[in-house]
Amino acid sequence: MSKEPKEEIVELKLRIPRSLRSEFKSICAARDENMKDVLVAYMRKYIEQHKAEKSE
């Protein structure tokens, strides 16, 4: 059984308005979602959209 090697995890620091973070955190909590997981999903979607545009 072959396991793929785990990808290295790095830290991403952002400076954003407190109100934006608070609202995002509140909405994620209301939806029982983790902020990190939501952001990573959006980043993956953004990458896929722009890869598609680049290949056109």
Protein backbone atom coordinates (compact mmCIF):
# COMPACT_ATOMS: atom_id res chain seq x y z
CA MET A 1 0.00 0.00 0.00
CA SER A 2 1.58 3.23 -1.18
CA LYS A 3 0.99 6.40 0.78
CA GLU A 4 1.52 9.81 -0.77
CA PRO A 5 3.99 11.91 1.20
CA LYS A 6 2.38 14.59 3.34
CA GLU A 7 2.83 18.05 1.92
CA GLU A 8 4.68 20.54 4.09
CA ILE A 9 2.35 22.95 5.88
CA VAL A 10 3.32 26.61 5.93
CA GLU A 11 1.90 29.60 7.74
CA LEU A 12 0.17 32.47 5.93
CA LYS A 13 -0.18 35.71 7.85
CA LEU A 14 -2.64 38.36 6.73
CA ARG A 15 -3.40 41.84 7.91
CA ILE A 16 -7.10 42.47 7.41
CA PRO A 17 -9.64 44.78 9.01
CA ARG A 18 -10.85 43.48 12.37
CA SER A 19 -14.49 43.87 11.29
CA LEU A 20 -13.92 41.64 8.23
CA ARG A 21 -12.32 38.92 10.38
CA SER A 22 -15.05 39.18 13.01
CA GLU A 23 -17.84 38.85 10.48
CA PHE A 24 -16.11 35.98 8.68
CA LYS A 25 -15.47 34.19 11.99
CA SER A 26 -19.07 34.68 13.07
CA ILE A 27 -20.49 33.31 9.81
CA CYS A 28 -18.13 30.33 9.84
CA ALA A 29 -19.12 29.54 13.43
CA ALA A 30 -22.82 29.81 12.59
CA ARG A 31 -22.29 27.31 9.76
CA ASP A 32 -20.12 25.07 11.98
CA GLU A 33 -17.16 25.58 9.62
CA ASN A 34 -13.50 26.13 10.37
CA MET A 35 -12.15 29.46 9.05
CA LYS A 36 -8.97 27.81 7.78
CA ASP A 37 -10.89 25.13 5.88
CA VAL A 38 -13.14 27.74 4.25
CA LEU A 39 -10.17 29.88 3.18
CA VAL A 40 -8.25 26.89 1.80
CA ALA A 41 -11.33 25.83 -0.21
CA TYR A 42 -11.67 29.34 -1.65
CA MET A 43 -7.96 29.41 -2.52
CA ARG A 44 -8.22 26.07 -4.33
CA LYS A 45 -11.28 27.27 -6.25
CA TYR A 46 -9.51 30.52 -7.20
CA ILE A 47 -6.47 28.58 -8.46
CA GLU A 48 -8.63 26.26 -10.56
CA GLN A 49 -10.55 29.17 -12.10
CA HIS A 50 -7.38 30.97 -13.06
CA LYS A 51 -5.66 27.85 -14.35
CA ALA A 52 -8.64 27.41 -16.68
CA GLU A 53 -8.40 31.03 -17.86
CA LYS A 54 -4.66 30.71 -18.44
CA SER A 55 -5.10 27.62 -20.63
CA GLU A 56 -7.69 29.29 -22.90
